[in-house]
Amino acid sequence: MTTFPASSTRPQATSFDRLRVAGVAVSAIAAVALSFLGSGAVVGTPISEVADGALSADATAVAPGGPAFAIWSVIYAGLLALAVWQALPAHHADPRQRALGWWIAASMLLNAAWILVVQLELLALSVAVIVALLAVLVRIFLGLTRIAPSSRVEAVVVDGTMFLYLGWVAVATVANTAAALRAADVDPFSLGADIWAVIVLVAVAAVSVLLAVAGHGRLAVAGAMAWGLVWIAVARSGDTGFTSTSAAVTAGAAAGVAVLSAVIVRLRTEAARRQRTEAARRRRT
């Protein structure tokens, strides 16, 4: 990985940079404001109650338990912190923000759009929106992992937030798609909920391995995915709602795969970095 040059050598901010900064800030405010609509705290209907509970914790075999959605509080707080961080004058011309700022804004606006679409009970369209959101987050992920952050604060506020966001949305996309299919009474190939749950959760585990390799073991992504998967396991092993032993076991195993793969890749990456550093030191001496 490369690092950014010192702040004194960074290019001067342009009017386009300031437009991007404003765009990210407004998008963050819109995403957080619309989240209140989705919570039903002031107006709107709680997400779990729209479309006759199609997105509730016991609606499908891959729906996470209710407490899983607490991660949104962390993500939204991170998005606001990111908006403030990139609005500081020293970061207006930040190379990473120049490359990814508009993508980050797009992810926030897609989040807001998803809430609006769900409030209108357009579940099929909500799948298209969340898939687009996932694609944008993958683009951001690849961009952020290509160049190291310039400070620990940036690593936490920017990388940490967007990686949590990606990990959670990866699991939420599966849950959203399953909810839309069930609401439409569609069972592809007539395999049944349990079999589909196992197939899909194995696929999620495979995706977690791919993200671990592509991101050099980013723990925030794995942690968010594991969080969602564990709550799927908890929801499927309860005494009420949609119970499924096979889904619960597979979700638990997938959570383990997500964390273990990220840890292994990270350890291997760190070991390789130490070897390169030691080799460079020996060449100098």
C-alpha atoms as a PDB file:
ATOM      1  CA  MET A   1       0.000   0.000   0.000  1.00  0.00           C
ATOM      2  CA  THR A   2       0.989   3.572  -0.546  1.00  0.00           C
ATOM      3  CA  THR A   3       0.398   6.493   1.753  1.00  0.00           C
ATOM      4  CA  PHE A   4      -0.613  10.051   1.062  1.00  0.00           C
ATOM      5  CA  PRO A   5       1.945  12.814   0.882  1.00  0.00           C
ATOM      6  CA  ALA A   6       2.238  15.285   3.708  1.00  0.00           C
ATOM      7  CA  SER A   7      -0.597  17.789   3.920  1.00  0.00           C
ATOM      8  CA  SER A   8       1.739  20.637   2.913  1.00  0.00           C
ATOM      9  CA  THR A   9       2.271  19.025  -0.502  1.00  0.00           C
ATOM     10  CA  ARG A  10      -1.358  18.298  -1.203  1.00  0.00           C
ATOM     11  CA  PRO A  11      -3.084  20.189  -4.010  1.00  0.00           C
ATOM     12  CA  GLN A  12      -5.227  23.200  -3.305  1.00  0.00           C
ATOM     13  CA  ALA A  13      -8.984  22.733  -3.009  1.00  0.00           C
ATOM     14  CA  THR A  14     -11.067  23.724  -6.018  1.00  0.00           C
ATOM     15  CA  SER A  15     -14.679  24.808  -6.348  1.00  0.00           C
ATOM     16  CA  PHE A  16     -15.491  21.270  -7.482  1.00  0.00           C
ATOM     17  CA  ASP A  17     -13.943  19.940  -4.258  1.00  0.00           C
ATOM     18  CA  ARG A  18     -16.137  22.252  -2.212  1.00  0.00           C
ATOM     19  CA  LEU A  19     -19.191  21.136  -4.203  1.00  0.00           C
ATOM     20  CA  ARG A  20     -18.338  17.516  -3.431  1.00  0.00           C
ATOM     21  CA  VAL A  21     -17.882  18.305   0.265  1.00  0.00           C
ATOM     22  CA  ALA A  22     -21.315  19.926   0.345  1.00  0.00           C
ATOM     23  CA  GLY A  23     -22.824  16.997  -1.554  1.00  0.00           C
ATOM     24  CA  VAL A  24     -21.510  14.463   0.950  1.00  0.00           C
ATOM     25  CA  ALA A  25     -22.696  16.552   3.897  1.00  0.00           C
ATOM     26  CA  VAL A  26     -26.208  17.009   2.501  1.00  0.00           C
ATOM     27  CA  SER A  27     -26.413  13.299   1.600  1.00  0.00           C
ATOM     28  CA  ALA A  28     -25.433  12.303   5.141  1.00  0.00           C
ATOM     29  CA  ILE A  29     -28.104  14.555   6.619  1.00  0.00           C
ATOM     30  CA  ALA A  30     -30.685  13.138   4.192  1.00  0.00           C
ATOM     31  CA  ALA A  31     -29.781   9.549   5.066  1.00  0.00           C
ATOM     32  CA  VAL A  32     -30.025  10.165   8.811  1.00  0.00           C
ATOM     33  CA  ALA A  33     -33.231  12.208   8.479  1.00  0.00           C
ATOM     34  CA  LEU A  34     -34.897   9.498   6.403  1.00  0.00           C
ATOM     35  CA  SER A  35     -33.832   6.889   8.954  1.00  0.00           C
ATOM     36  CA  PHE A  36     -36.293   8.500  11.371  1.00  0.00           C
ATOM     37  CA  LEU A  37     -39.015   7.847   8.827  1.00  0.00           C
ATOM     38  CA  GLY A  38     -37.996   4.210   8.707  1.00  0.00           C
ATOM     39  CA  SER A  39     -37.915   3.930  12.484  1.00  0.00           C
ATOM     40  CA  GLY A  40     -41.443   5.275  12.849  1.00  0.00           C
ATOM     41  CA  ALA A  41     -40.239   7.361  15.795  1.00  0.00           C
ATOM     42  CA  VAL A  42     -41.867  10.552  14.517  1.00  0.00           C
ATOM     43  CA  VAL A  43     -43.630   9.798  11.234  1.00  0.00           C
ATOM     44  CA  GLY A  44     -43.844   6.834   8.946  1.00  0.00           C
ATOM     45  CA  THR A  45     -44.136   3.157   9.775  1.00  0.00           C
ATOM     46  CA  PRO A  46     -41.372   1.068  11.346  1.00  0.00           C
ATOM     47  CA  ILE A  47     -39.620  -0.968   8.648  1.00  0.00           C
ATOM     48  CA  SER A  48     -40.519  -4.208  10.415  1.00  0.00           C
ATOM     49  CA  GLU A  49     -44.231  -3.413  10.080  1.00  0.00           C
ATOM     50  CA  VAL A  50     -44.489  -2.305   6.448  1.00  0.00           C
ATOM     51  CA  ALA A  51     -45.986  -4.629   3.829  1.00  0.00           C
ATOM     52  CA  ASP A  52     -47.678  -6.755   6.487  1.00  0.00           C
ATOM     53  CA  GLY A  53     -44.383  -7.394   8.263  1.00  0.00           C
ATOM     54  CA  ALA A  54     -42.523  -8.677   5.186  1.00  0.00           C
ATOM     55  CA  LEU A  55     -39.255  -7.329   6.609  1.00  0.00           C
ATOM     56  CA  SER A  56     -39.807  -8.357  10.220  1.00  0.00           C
ATOM     57  CA  ALA A  57     -37.376 -10.521  12.190  1.00  0.00           C
ATOM     58  CA  ASP A  58     -39.459 -13.676  11.709  1.00  0.00           C
ATOM     59  CA  ALA A  59     -40.632 -13.131   8.138  1.00  0.00           C
ATOM     60  CA  THR A  60     -38.130 -15.438   6.403  1.00  0.00           C
ATOM     61  CA  ALA A  61     -35.467 -18.008   7.184  1.00  0.00           C
ATOM     62  CA  VAL A  62     -32.694 -15.444   6.652  1.00  0.00           C
ATOM     63  CA  ALA A  63     -34.167 -12.466   8.496  1.00  0.00           C
ATOM     64  CA  PRO A  64     -31.870 -11.164  11.286  1.00  0.00           C
ATOM     65  CA  GLY A  65     -33.299 -10.825  14.777  1.00  0.00           C
ATOM     66  CA  GLY A  66     -34.532  -7.390  15.797  1.00  0.00           C
ATOM     67  CA  PRO A  67     -31.488  -6.369  17.908  1.00  0.00           C
ATOM     68  CA  ALA A  68     -29.268  -6.789  14.822  1.00  0.00           C
ATOM     69  CA  PHE A  69     -30.561  -3.498  13.436  1.00  0.00           C
ATOM     70  CA  ALA A  70     -28.900  -1.585  16.269  1.00  0.00           C
ATOM     71  CA  ILE A  71     -25.838  -1.542  14.024  1.00  0.00           C
ATOM     72  CA  TRP A  72     -27.556   1.192  12.008  1.00  0.00           C
ATOM     73  CA  SER A  73     -27.033   3.584  14.932  1.00  0.00           C
ATOM     74  CA  VAL A  74     -23.287   3.026  14.659  1.00  0.00           C
ATOM     75  CA  ILE A  75     -23.322   3.353  10.871  1.00  0.00           C
ATOM     76  CA  TYR A  76     -25.364   6.561  10.876  1.00  0.00           C
ATOM     77  CA  ALA A  77     -23.147   8.083  13.564  1.00  0.00           C
ATOM     78  CA  GLY A  78     -20.156   7.141  11.429  1.00  0.00           C
ATOM     79  CA  LEU A  79     -21.677   8.708   8.311  1.00  0.00           C
ATOM     80  CA  LEU A  80     -22.238  11.978  10.163  1.00  0.00           C
ATOM     81  CA  ALA A  81     -18.677  11.869  11.514  1.00  0.00           C
ATOM     82  CA  LEU A  82     -17.387  11.187   8.004  1.00  0.00           C
ATOM     83  CA  ALA A  83     -19.355  14.151   6.655  1.00  0.00           C
ATOM     84  CA  VAL A  84     -17.833  16.415   9.310  1.00  0.00           C
ATOM     85  CA  TRP A  85     -14.307  15.043   8.762  1.00  0.00           C
ATOM     86  CA  GLN A  86     -14.345  15.573   4.998  1.00  0.00           C
ATOM     87  CA  ALA A  87     -15.820  19.064   5.484  1.00  0.00           C
ATOM     88  CA  LEU A  88     -12.757  20.236   7.410  1.00  0.00           C
ATOM     89  CA  PRO A  89     -10.685  22.546   5.154  1.00  0.00           C
ATOM     90  CA  ALA A  90      -7.592  20.350   5.454  1.00  0.00           C
ATOM     91  CA  HIS A  91      -9.467  17.475   3.772  1.00  0.00           C
ATOM     92  CA  HIS A  92     -11.202  19.285   0.920  1.00  0.00           C
ATOM     93  CA  ALA A  93      -8.535  18.210  -1.583  1.00  0.00           C
ATOM     94  CA  ASP A  94      -7.953  14.799  -0.034  1.00  0.00           C
ATOM     95  CA  PRO A  95      -7.073  12.375  -2.885  1.00  0.00           C
ATOM     96  CA  ARG A  96      -9.258   9.586  -1.512  1.00  0.00           C
ATOM     97  CA  GLN A  97     -12.223  11.914  -1.140  1.00  0.00           C
ATOM     98  CA  ARG A  98     -11.685  13.246  -4.639  1.00  0.00           C
ATOM     99  CA  ALA A  99     -11.827   9.694  -5.952  1.00  0.00           C
ATOM    100  CA  LEU A 100     -14.633   8.354  -3.760  1.00  0.00           C
ATOM    101  CA  GLY A 101     -16.556  11.270  -2.260  1.00  0.00           C
ATOM    102  CA  TRP A 102     -19.345  11.199  -4.811  1.00  0.00           C
ATOM    103  CA  TRP A 103     -19.601   7.419  -4.468  1.00  0.00           C
ATOM    104  CA  ILE A 104     -19.952   7.839  -0.708  1.00  0.00           C
ATOM    105  CA  ALA A 105     -22.679  10.441  -1.260  1.00  0.00           C
ATOM    106  CA  ALA A 106     -24.420   8.032  -3.657  1.00  0.00           C
ATOM    107  CA  SER A 107     -24.416   5.307  -1.001  1.00  0.00           C
ATOM    108  CA  MET A 108     -26.118   7.649   1.453  1.00  0.00           C
ATOM    109  CA  LEU A 109     -28.749   8.723  -1.076  1.00  0.00           C
ATOM    110  CA  LEU A 110     -29.441   5.102  -2.035  1.00  0.00           C
ATOM    111  CA  ASN A 111     -29.934   4.340   1.647  1.00  0.00           C
ATOM    112  CA  ALA A 112     -32.488   7.138   1.881  1.00  0.00           C
ATOM    113  CA  ALA A 113     -34.139   5.956  -1.341  1.00  0.00           C
ATOM    114  CA  TRP A 114     -34.440   2.434   0.041  1.00  0.00           C
ATOM    115  CA  ILE A 115     -36.311   3.682   3.095  1.00  0.00           C
ATOM    116  CA  LEU A 116     -38.717   5.683   0.938  1.00  0.00           C
ATOM    117  CA  VAL A 117     -39.329   2.738  -1.396  1.00  0.00           C
ATOM    118  CA  VAL A 118     -40.000   0.389   1.516  1.00  0.00           C
ATOM    119  CA  GLN A 119     -42.366   2.917   3.104  1.00  0.00           C
ATOM    120  CA  LEU A 120     -44.299   2.798  -0.182  1.00  0.00           C
ATOM    121  CA  GLU A 121     -44.327  -1.036   0.148  1.00  0.00           C
ATOM    122  CA  LEU A 122     -42.544  -1.485  -3.191  1.00  0.00           C
ATOM    123  CA  LEU A 123     -40.553  -4.539  -2.106  1.00  0.00           C
ATOM    124  CA  ALA A 124     -39.433  -5.603  -5.578  1.00  0.00           C
ATOM    125  CA  LEU A 125     -38.047  -2.125  -6.217  1.00  0.00           C
ATOM    126  CA  SER A 126     -36.393  -2.146  -2.779  1.00  0.00           C
ATOM    127  CA  VAL A 127     -34.340  -5.161  -3.899  1.00  0.00           C
ATOM    128  CA  ALA A 128     -33.084  -3.239  -6.931  1.00  0.00           C
ATOM    129  CA  VAL A 129     -32.174  -0.273  -4.718  1.00  0.00           C
ATOM    130  CA  ILE A 130     -30.302  -2.328  -2.115  1.00  0.00           C
ATOM    131  CA  VAL A 131     -28.420  -4.250  -4.818  1.00  0.00           C
ATOM    132  CA  ALA A 132     -27.352  -0.907  -6.307  1.00  0.00           C
ATOM    133  CA  LEU A 133     -26.309   0.225  -2.815  1.00  0.00           C
ATOM    134  CA  LEU A 134     -24.266  -2.940  -2.350  1.00  0.00           C
ATOM    135  CA  ALA A 135     -22.530  -2.414  -5.703  1.00  0.00           C
ATOM    136  CA  VAL A 136     -21.644   1.176  -4.774  1.00  0.00           C
ATOM    137  CA  LEU A 137     -20.291   0.067  -1.393  1.00  0.00           C
ATOM    138  CA  VAL A 138     -18.122  -2.579  -3.051  1.00  0.00           C
ATOM    139  CA  ARG A 139     -16.740   0.141  -5.339  1.00  0.00           C
ATOM    140  CA  ILE A 140     -15.933   2.292  -2.303  1.00  0.00           C
ATOM    141  CA  PHE A 141     -14.399  -0.684  -0.516  1.00  0.00           C
ATOM    142  CA  LEU A 142     -12.042  -1.428  -3.392  1.00  0.00           C
ATOM    143  CA  GLY A 143     -11.057   2.218  -3.622  1.00  0.00           C
ATOM    144  CA  LEU A 144     -10.367   2.602   0.097  1.00  0.00           C
ATOM    145  CA  THR A 145      -8.316  -0.588   0.313  1.00  0.00           C
ATOM    146  CA  ARG A 146      -6.147   0.449  -2.627  1.00  0.00           C
ATOM    147  CA  ILE A 147      -4.498   3.312  -0.719  1.00  0.00           C
ATOM    148  CA  ALA A 148      -3.879   3.448   3.027  1.00  0.00           C
ATOM    149  CA  PRO A 149      -5.522   6.200   5.090  1.00  0.00           C
ATOM    150  CA  SER A 150      -3.287   9.098   6.092  1.00  0.00           C
ATOM    151  CA  SER A 151      -4.168   8.988   9.790  1.00  0.00           C
ATOM    152  CA  ARG A 152      -5.732   6.809  12.454  1.00  0.00           C
ATOM    153  CA  VAL A 153      -8.706   9.176  12.609  1.00  0.00           C
ATOM    154  CA  GLU A 154      -9.333   8.706   8.899  1.00  0.00           C
ATOM    155  CA  ALA A 155      -8.974   4.950   9.267  1.00  0.00           C
ATOM    156  CA  VAL A 156     -11.705   4.890  11.913  1.00  0.00           C
ATOM    157  CA  VAL A 157     -14.066   7.564  10.598  1.00  0.00           C
ATOM    158  CA  VAL A 158     -13.882   6.852   6.870  1.00  0.00           C
ATOM    159  CA  ASP A 159     -12.705   3.266   6.449  1.00  0.00           C
ATOM    160  CA  GLY A 160     -14.321   1.913   9.594  1.00  0.00           C
ATOM    161  CA  THR A 161     -17.699   3.441   8.781  1.00  0.00           C
ATOM    162  CA  MET A 162     -17.800   2.384   5.146  1.00  0.00           C
ATOM    163  CA  PHE A 163     -16.565  -1.129   5.912  1.00  0.00           C
ATOM    164  CA  LEU A 164     -19.224  -1.647   8.587  1.00  0.00           C
ATOM    165  CA  TYR A 165     -21.751  -0.287   6.113  1.00  0.00           C
ATOM    166  CA  LEU A 166     -20.663  -2.778   3.440  1.00  0.00           C
ATOM    167  CA  GLY A 167     -20.626  -5.773   5.775  1.00  0.00           C
ATOM    168  CA  TRP A 168     -24.108  -5.104   7.082  1.00  0.00           C
ATOM    169  CA  VAL A 169     -25.623  -4.311   3.671  1.00  0.00           C
ATOM    170  CA  ALA A 170     -24.175  -7.551   2.275  1.00  0.00           C
ATOM    171  CA  VAL A 171     -26.288  -9.482   4.786  1.00  0.00           C
ATOM    172  CA  ALA A 172     -29.269  -7.115   4.519  1.00  0.00           C
ATOM    173  CA  THR A 173     -29.381  -7.623   0.742  1.00  0.00           C
ATOM    174  CA  VAL A 174     -29.975 -11.330   1.261  1.00  0.00           C
ATOM    175  CA  ALA A 175     -32.684 -10.691   3.848  1.00  0.00           C
ATOM    176  CA  ASN A 176     -34.371  -8.065   1.661  1.00  0.00           C
ATOM    177  CA  THR A 177     -34.395 -10.329  -1.383  1.00  0.00           C
ATOM    178  CA  ALA A 178     -35.833 -13.238   0.593  1.00  0.00           C
ATOM    179  CA  ALA A 179     -38.541 -10.970   2.014  1.00  0.00           C
ATOM    180  CA  ALA A 180     -39.534  -9.726  -1.446  1.00  0.00           C
ATOM    181  CA  LEU A 181     -39.714 -13.268  -2.824  1.00  0.00           C
ATOM    182  CA  ARG A 182     -41.824 -14.496   0.068  1.00  0.00           C
ATOM    183  CA  ALA A 183     -44.158 -11.510  -0.147  1.00  0.00           C
ATOM    184  CA  ALA A 184     -44.639 -12.326  -3.855  1.00  0.00           C
ATOM    185  CA  ASP A 185     -45.128 -16.012  -2.965  1.00  0.00           C
ATOM    186  CA  VAL A 186     -42.189 -17.020  -5.156  1.00  0.00           C
ATOM    187  CA  ASP A 187     -40.110 -20.122  -4.371  1.00  0.00           C
ATOM    188  CA  PRO A 188     -37.528 -20.644  -7.168  1.00  0.00           C
ATOM    189  CA  PHE A 189     -37.310 -24.321  -8.139  1.00  0.00           C
ATOM    190  CA  SER A 190     -39.686 -25.115  -5.226  1.00  0.00           C
ATOM    191  CA  LEU A 191     -36.790 -25.971  -2.926  1.00  0.00           C
ATOM    192  CA  GLY A 192     -38.393 -24.632   0.225  1.00  0.00           C
ATOM    193  CA  ALA A 193     -37.297 -22.012   2.734  1.00  0.00           C
ATOM    194  CA  ASP A 194     -34.834 -24.185   4.675  1.00  0.00           C
ATOM    195  CA  ILE A 195     -32.890 -25.372   1.645  1.00  0.00           C
ATOM    196  CA  TRP A 196     -32.747 -21.892   0.147  1.00  0.00           C
ATOM    197  CA  ALA A 197     -31.587 -20.503   3.482  1.00  0.00           C
ATOM    198  CA  VAL A 198     -28.675 -22.933   3.582  1.00  0.00           C
ATOM    199  CA  ILE A 199     -27.723 -22.216  -0.048  1.00  0.00           C
ATOM    200  CA  VAL A 200     -27.858 -18.453   0.415  1.00  0.00           C
ATOM    201  CA  LEU A 201     -25.980 -18.462   3.726  1.00  0.00           C
ATOM    202  CA  VAL A 202     -23.212 -20.610   2.258  1.00  0.00           C
ATOM    203  CA  ALA A 203     -22.982 -18.047  -0.548  1.00  0.00           C
ATOM    204  CA  VAL A 204     -22.720 -15.256   2.030  1.00  0.00           C
ATOM    205  CA  ALA A 205     -19.878 -17.131   3.720  1.00  0.00           C
ATOM    206  CA  ALA A 206     -18.113 -17.410   0.369  1.00  0.00           C
ATOM    207  CA  VAL A 207     -18.568 -13.682  -0.233  1.00  0.00           C
ATOM    208  CA  SER A 208     -17.074 -12.944   3.186  1.00  0.00           C
ATOM    209  CA  VAL A 209     -13.951 -14.873   2.192  1.00  0.00           C
ATOM    210  CA  LEU A 210     -13.692 -12.952  -1.089  1.00  0.00           C
ATOM    211  CA  LEU A 211     -14.031  -9.633   0.750  1.00  0.00           C
ATOM    212  CA  ALA A 212     -11.408 -10.716   3.288  1.00  0.00           C
ATOM    213  CA  VAL A 213      -8.939 -11.502   0.518  1.00  0.00           C
ATOM    214  CA  ALA A 214      -9.740  -8.390  -1.529  1.00  0.00           C
ATOM    215  CA  GLY A 215      -9.554  -6.151   1.551  1.00  0.00           C
ATOM    216  CA  HIS A 216      -6.453  -7.735   3.084  1.00  0.00           C
ATOM    217  CA  GLY A 217      -8.430  -8.878   6.122  1.00  0.00           C
ATOM    218  CA  ARG A 218     -10.526  -5.815   6.977  1.00  0.00           C
ATOM    219  CA  LEU A 219     -12.078  -6.749  10.329  1.00  0.00           C
ATOM    220  CA  ALA A 220     -14.869  -4.162  10.197  1.00  0.00           C
ATOM    221  CA  VAL A 221     -16.400  -5.827   7.142  1.00  0.00           C
ATOM    222  CA  ALA A 222     -16.152  -9.279   8.688  1.00  0.00           C
ATOM    223  CA  GLY A 223     -17.466  -8.035  12.025  1.00  0.00           C
ATOM    224  CA  ALA A 224     -20.570  -6.468  10.483  1.00  0.00           C
ATOM    225  CA  MET A 225     -21.278  -9.566   8.413  1.00  0.00           C
ATOM    226  CA  ALA A 226     -20.793 -11.816  11.431  1.00  0.00           C
ATOM    227  CA  TRP A 227     -23.089  -9.565  13.483  1.00  0.00           C
ATOM    228  CA  GLY A 228     -25.912  -9.981  10.979  1.00  0.00           C
ATOM    229  CA  LEU A 229     -25.307 -13.712  10.559  1.00  0.00           C
ATOM    230  CA  VAL A 230     -25.271 -14.374  14.292  1.00  0.00           C
ATOM    231  CA  TRP A 231     -28.603 -12.614  14.675  1.00  0.00           C
ATOM    232  CA  ILE A 232     -30.016 -14.728  11.851  1.00  0.00           C
ATOM    233  CA  ALA A 233     -28.902 -17.790  13.802  1.00  0.00           C
ATOM    234  CA  VAL A 234     -30.471 -16.445  16.997  1.00  0.00           C
ATOM    235  CA  ALA A 235     -33.752 -15.620  15.256  1.00  0.00           C
ATOM    236  CA  ARG A 236     -33.987 -19.067  13.670  1.00  0.00           C
ATOM    237  CA  SER A 237     -33.296 -20.945  16.912  1.00  0.00           C
ATOM    238  CA  GLY A 238     -35.951 -19.190  19.022  1.00  0.00           C
ATOM    239  CA  ASP A 239     -39.174 -20.697  20.300  1.00  0.00           C
ATOM    240  CA  THR A 240     -41.372 -18.320  18.314  1.00  0.00           C
ATOM    241  CA  GLY A 241     -41.409 -16.945  14.789  1.00  0.00           C
ATOM    242  CA  PHE A 242     -39.663 -18.605  11.837  1.00  0.00           C
ATOM    243  CA  THR A 243     -37.570 -21.399  13.361  1.00  0.00           C
ATOM    244  CA  SER A 244     -35.101 -23.431  11.299  1.00  0.00           C
ATOM    245  CA  THR A 245     -32.306 -25.524  12.773  1.00  0.00           C
ATOM    246  CA  SER A 246     -30.518 -25.863   9.436  1.00  0.00           C
ATOM    247  CA  ALA A 247     -30.611 -22.103   8.834  1.00  0.00           C
ATOM    248  CA  ALA A 248     -29.464 -21.366  12.392  1.00  0.00           C
ATOM    249  CA  VAL A 249     -26.499 -23.735  12.172  1.00  0.00           C
ATOM    250  CA  THR A 250     -25.489 -22.523   8.715  1.00  0.00           C
ATOM    251  CA  ALA A 251     -25.751 -18.858   9.735  1.00  0.00           C
ATOM    252  CA  GLY A 252     -23.608 -19.497  12.817  1.00  0.00           C
ATOM    253  CA  ALA A 253     -21.023 -21.339  10.739  1.00  0.00           C
ATOM    254  CA  ALA A 254     -21.038 -18.548   8.141  1.00  0.00           C
ATOM    255  CA  ALA A 255     -20.379 -15.982  10.887  1.00  0.00           C
ATOM    256  CA  GLY A 256     -17.382 -18.038  12.002  1.00  0.00           C
ATOM    257  CA  VAL A 257     -16.087 -18.251   8.440  1.00  0.00           C
ATOM    258  CA  ALA A 258     -16.403 -14.474   8.007  1.00  0.00           C
ATOM    259  CA  VAL A 259     -14.379 -13.696  11.129  1.00  0.00           C
ATOM    260  CA  LEU A 260     -11.836 -16.491  10.762  1.00  0.00           C
ATOM    261  CA  SER A 261     -11.081 -15.732   7.108  1.00  0.00           C
ATOM    262  CA  ALA A 262     -10.534 -12.037   7.867  1.00  0.00           C
ATOM    263  CA  VAL A 263      -8.242 -12.839  10.809  1.00  0.00           C
ATOM    264  CA  ILE A 264      -6.196 -15.344   8.802  1.00  0.00           C
ATOM    265  CA  VAL A 265      -5.805 -12.997   5.826  1.00  0.00           C
ATOM    266  CA  ARG A 266      -4.898 -10.106   8.122  1.00  0.00           C
ATOM    267  CA  LEU A 267      -2.257 -12.144   9.943  1.00  0.00           C
ATOM    268  CA  ARG A 268      -0.767 -13.314   6.657  1.00  0.00           C
ATOM    269  CA  THR A 269      -0.761  -9.739   5.340  1.00  0.00           C
ATOM    270  CA  GLU A 270       0.962  -8.443   8.465  1.00  0.00           C
ATOM    271  CA  ALA A 271       3.518 -11.241   8.320  1.00  0.00           C
ATOM    272  CA  ALA A 272       4.286 -10.469   4.676  1.00  0.00           C
ATOM    273  CA  ARG A 273       4.644  -6.766   5.500  1.00  0.00           C
ATOM    274  CA  ARG A 274       7.092  -7.531   8.305  1.00  0.00           C
ATOM    275  CA  GLN A 275       9.121  -9.731   5.983  1.00  0.00           C
ATOM    276  CA  ARG A 276       9.327  -6.951   3.392  1.00  0.00           C
ATOM    277  CA  THR A 277      10.361  -4.448   6.058  1.00  0.00           C
ATOM    278  CA  GLU A 278      13.034  -6.781   7.375  1.00  0.00           C
ATOM    279  CA  ALA A 279      14.319  -7.501   3.864  1.00  0.00           C
ATOM    280  CA  ALA A 280      14.515  -3.772   3.134  1.00  0.00           C
ATOM    281  CA  ARG A 281      16.417  -3.188   6.408  1.00  0.00           C
ATOM    282  CA  ARG A 282      18.916  -5.906   5.538  1.00  0.00           C
ATOM    283  CA  ARG A 283      19.523  -4.418   2.097  1.00  0.00           C
ATOM    284  CA  ARG A 284      20.278  -1.028   3.659  1.00  0.00           C
ATOM    285  CA  THR A 285      22.782  -2.566   6.045  1.00  0.00           C
END
